[in-house]
């Protein structure tokens, strides 16, 4: 079973965007064997505007990510985190190289499956 992962990145190399400020999500499929494949880049209207969050912007981002299982970000607030979880999307803060974050995620998921 593969998982679909959205990565908040402004340069395609690092997980370096706060969830609420992300203008782009890079979409990957993460396979059982730990390999991952880049699928596409999705443009996003950031949910956070000077500390304010609108329901419409959050709904728009949730719709953009509705087919994903996991979101990798550098930071995320508790409200946005809860919105994702309520919609079946698990957020992880992993401010590192994208490849490294996906590899760590694969190892973590493998351990969870074996437990």
C-alpha atoms as a PDB file:
ATOM      1  CA  UNK A   1       0.000   0.000   0.000  1.00  0.00           C
ATOM      2  CA  UNK A   2       1.420   3.387  -0.899  1.00  0.00           C
ATOM      3  CA  UNK A   3       0.750   6.655   0.855  1.00  0.00           C
ATOM      4  CA  UNK A   4       0.319  10.033  -0.751  1.00  0.00           C
ATOM      5  CA  UNK A   5       2.439  12.727   0.883  1.00  0.00           C
ATOM      6  CA  UNK A   6       2.186  16.504   0.458  1.00  0.00           C
ATOM      7  CA  UNK A   7       5.396  18.443   1.168  1.00  0.00           C
ATOM      8  CA  UNK A   8       5.405  22.168   1.942  1.00  0.00           C
ATOM      9  CA  UNK A   9       8.470  23.511   0.132  1.00  0.00           C
ATOM     10  CA  UNK A  10       9.354  26.709  -1.681  1.00  0.00           C
ATOM     11  CA  UNK A  11      12.506  25.345  -3.324  1.00  0.00           C
ATOM     12  CA  UNK A  12      11.845  21.651  -4.039  1.00  0.00           C
ATOM     13  CA  UNK A  13      14.806  20.603  -1.874  1.00  0.00           C
ATOM     14  CA  UNK A  14      13.800  21.262   1.724  1.00  0.00           C
ATOM     15  CA  UNK A  15      10.659  20.891   3.817  1.00  0.00           C
ATOM     16  CA  UNK A  16      10.837  24.580   4.651  1.00  0.00           C
ATOM     17  CA  UNK A  17       7.349  26.054   4.740  1.00  0.00           C
ATOM     18  CA  UNK A  18       4.986  26.635   7.630  1.00  0.00           C
ATOM     19  CA  UNK A  19       1.658  24.993   6.747  1.00  0.00           C
ATOM     20  CA  UNK A  20      -0.240  28.273   6.881  1.00  0.00           C
ATOM     21  CA  UNK A  21       2.259  30.060   4.625  1.00  0.00           C
ATOM     22  CA  UNK A  22       2.728  27.339   2.002  1.00  0.00           C
ATOM     23  CA  UNK A  23       2.114  28.531  -1.553  1.00  0.00           C
ATOM     24  CA  UNK A  24       3.117  25.160  -3.007  1.00  0.00           C
ATOM     25  CA  UNK A  25       2.753  21.534  -2.010  1.00  0.00           C
ATOM     26  CA  UNK A  26       4.862  18.904  -3.752  1.00  0.00           C
ATOM     27  CA  UNK A  27       3.002  15.604  -4.004  1.00  0.00           C
ATOM     28  CA  UNK A  28       4.787  12.266  -3.649  1.00  0.00           C
ATOM     29  CA  UNK A  29       3.736   8.637  -3.483  1.00  0.00           C
ATOM     30  CA  UNK A  30       5.588   6.743  -0.762  1.00  0.00           C
ATOM     31  CA  UNK A  31       5.652   2.990  -1.390  1.00  0.00           C
ATOM     32  CA  UNK A  32       5.884   0.117   1.104  1.00  0.00           C
ATOM     33  CA  UNK A  33       9.469  -0.564   0.080  1.00  0.00           C
ATOM     34  CA  UNK A  34      10.495   2.960   1.142  1.00  0.00           C
ATOM     35  CA  UNK A  35      10.842   4.274  -2.396  1.00  0.00           C
ATOM     36  CA  UNK A  36       9.064   7.462  -3.314  1.00  0.00           C
ATOM     37  CA  UNK A  37       8.009   9.103  -6.536  1.00  0.00           C
ATOM     38  CA  UNK A  38       7.319  12.769  -7.249  1.00  0.00           C
ATOM     39  CA  UNK A  39       3.903  13.188  -8.859  1.00  0.00           C
ATOM     40  CA  UNK A  40       3.119  16.880  -9.163  1.00  0.00           C
ATOM     41  CA  UNK A  41       3.327  20.407  -7.802  1.00  0.00           C
ATOM     42  CA  UNK A  42       0.101  21.954  -6.498  1.00  0.00           C
ATOM     43  CA  UNK A  43      -0.305  25.704  -6.126  1.00  0.00           C
ATOM     44  CA  UNK A  44      -1.989  26.813  -2.896  1.00  0.00           C
ATOM     45  CA  UNK A  45      -3.454  30.002  -1.485  1.00  0.00           C
ATOM     46  CA  UNK A  46      -1.881  30.235   2.008  1.00  0.00           C
ATOM     47  CA  UNK A  47      -4.337  29.773   4.859  1.00  0.00           C
ATOM     48  CA  UNK A  48      -2.592  32.277   7.135  1.00  0.00           C
ATOM     49  CA  UNK A  49      -2.715  35.997   6.408  1.00  0.00           C
ATOM     50  CA  UNK A  50      -0.941  38.094   9.058  1.00  0.00           C
ATOM     51  CA  UNK A  51      -1.942  35.637  11.770  1.00  0.00           C
ATOM     52  CA  UNK A  52      -5.573  35.391  10.669  1.00  0.00           C
ATOM     53  CA  UNK A  53      -7.080  32.248   9.215  1.00  0.00           C
ATOM     54  CA  UNK A  54     -10.236  32.208   7.161  1.00  0.00           C
ATOM     55  CA  UNK A  55     -12.490  29.171   6.926  1.00  0.00           C
ATOM     56  CA  UNK A  56     -12.571  29.547   3.132  1.00  0.00           C
ATOM     57  CA  UNK A  57      -8.797  29.445   2.772  1.00  0.00           C
ATOM     58  CA  UNK A  58      -8.515  26.423   5.088  1.00  0.00           C
ATOM     59  CA  UNK A  59     -11.313  24.648   3.215  1.00  0.00           C
ATOM     60  CA  UNK A  60      -9.547  25.396  -0.070  1.00  0.00           C
ATOM     61  CA  UNK A  61      -6.261  23.926   1.198  1.00  0.00           C
ATOM     62  CA  UNK A  62      -8.037  20.879   2.634  1.00  0.00           C
ATOM     63  CA  UNK A  63      -9.701  20.337  -0.734  1.00  0.00           C
ATOM     64  CA  UNK A  64      -6.317  20.633  -2.463  1.00  0.00           C
ATOM     65  CA  UNK A  65      -4.879  17.970  -0.154  1.00  0.00           C
ATOM     66  CA  UNK A  66      -7.930  15.703   0.170  1.00  0.00           C
ATOM     67  CA  UNK A  67      -6.251  12.774  -1.626  1.00  0.00           C
ATOM     68  CA  UNK A  68      -3.170  12.867   0.609  1.00  0.00           C
ATOM     69  CA  UNK A  69      -2.547  10.848   3.769  1.00  0.00           C
ATOM     70  CA  UNK A  70       0.332  12.876   5.219  1.00  0.00           C
ATOM     71  CA  UNK A  71       1.576  16.468   5.103  1.00  0.00           C
ATOM     72  CA  UNK A  72       5.225  17.304   5.816  1.00  0.00           C
ATOM     73  CA  UNK A  73       5.859  20.875   6.983  1.00  0.00           C
ATOM     74  CA  UNK A  74       8.515  22.857   8.822  1.00  0.00           C
ATOM     75  CA  UNK A  75       5.925  24.184  11.308  1.00  0.00           C
ATOM     76  CA  UNK A  76       2.178  23.938  11.902  1.00  0.00           C
ATOM     77  CA  UNK A  77      -0.112  25.403  14.513  1.00  0.00           C
ATOM     78  CA  UNK A  78      -2.469  23.343  16.661  1.00  0.00           C
ATOM     79  CA  UNK A  79      -5.622  24.553  14.894  1.00  0.00           C
ATOM     80  CA  UNK A  80      -4.378  23.673  11.410  1.00  0.00           C
ATOM     81  CA  UNK A  81      -2.989  20.391  12.708  1.00  0.00           C
ATOM     82  CA  UNK A  82      -6.379  19.463  14.153  1.00  0.00           C
ATOM     83  CA  UNK A  83      -8.148  20.413  10.893  1.00  0.00           C
ATOM     84  CA  UNK A  84      -5.861  18.075   8.952  1.00  0.00           C
ATOM     85  CA  UNK A  85      -6.297  15.232  11.437  1.00  0.00           C
ATOM     86  CA  UNK A  86     -10.075  15.698  11.388  1.00  0.00           C
ATOM     87  CA  UNK A  87      -9.919  15.226   7.622  1.00  0.00           C
ATOM     88  CA  UNK A  88      -7.825  12.057   7.813  1.00  0.00           C
ATOM     89  CA  UNK A  89      -4.495  13.734   7.016  1.00  0.00           C
ATOM     90  CA  UNK A  90      -1.597  13.287   9.430  1.00  0.00           C
ATOM     91  CA  UNK A  91       0.761  16.302   9.766  1.00  0.00           C
ATOM     92  CA  UNK A  92       4.464  15.854  10.552  1.00  0.00           C
ATOM     93  CA  UNK A  93       6.999  18.607  11.244  1.00  0.00           C
ATOM     94  CA  UNK A  94      10.235  17.606   9.496  1.00  0.00           C
ATOM     95  CA  UNK A  95      12.318  20.666   8.580  1.00  0.00           C
ATOM     96  CA  UNK A  96      15.016  18.870   6.603  1.00  0.00           C
ATOM     97  CA  UNK A  97      15.815  17.775   3.045  1.00  0.00           C
ATOM     98  CA  UNK A  98      12.733  16.356   1.313  1.00  0.00           C
ATOM     99  CA  UNK A  99      14.497  13.088   0.427  1.00  0.00           C
ATOM    100  CA  UNK A 100      15.655  12.668   4.030  1.00  0.00           C
ATOM    101  CA  UNK A 101      12.183  13.465   5.407  1.00  0.00           C
ATOM    102  CA  UNK A 102      10.537  10.910   3.116  1.00  0.00           C
ATOM    103  CA  UNK A 103      13.121   8.272   4.062  1.00  0.00           C
ATOM    104  CA  UNK A 104      12.566   8.955   7.790  1.00  0.00           C
ATOM    105  CA  UNK A 105       8.825   8.805   7.272  1.00  0.00           C
ATOM    106  CA  UNK A 106       9.118   5.439   5.484  1.00  0.00           C
ATOM    107  CA  UNK A 107      11.182   4.019   8.378  1.00  0.00           C
ATOM    108  CA  UNK A 108       8.735   5.370  10.947  1.00  0.00           C
ATOM    109  CA  UNK A 109       5.739   3.926   9.111  1.00  0.00           C
ATOM    110  CA  UNK A 110       7.487   0.561   8.730  1.00  0.00           C
ATOM    111  CA  UNK A 111       8.074   0.449  12.492  1.00  0.00           C
ATOM    112  CA  UNK A 112       4.421   1.330  13.154  1.00  0.00           C
ATOM    113  CA  UNK A 113       3.248  -1.501  10.890  1.00  0.00           C
ATOM    114  CA  UNK A 114       5.506  -4.030  12.640  1.00  0.00           C
ATOM    115  CA  UNK A 115       4.314  -2.944  16.123  1.00  0.00           C
END
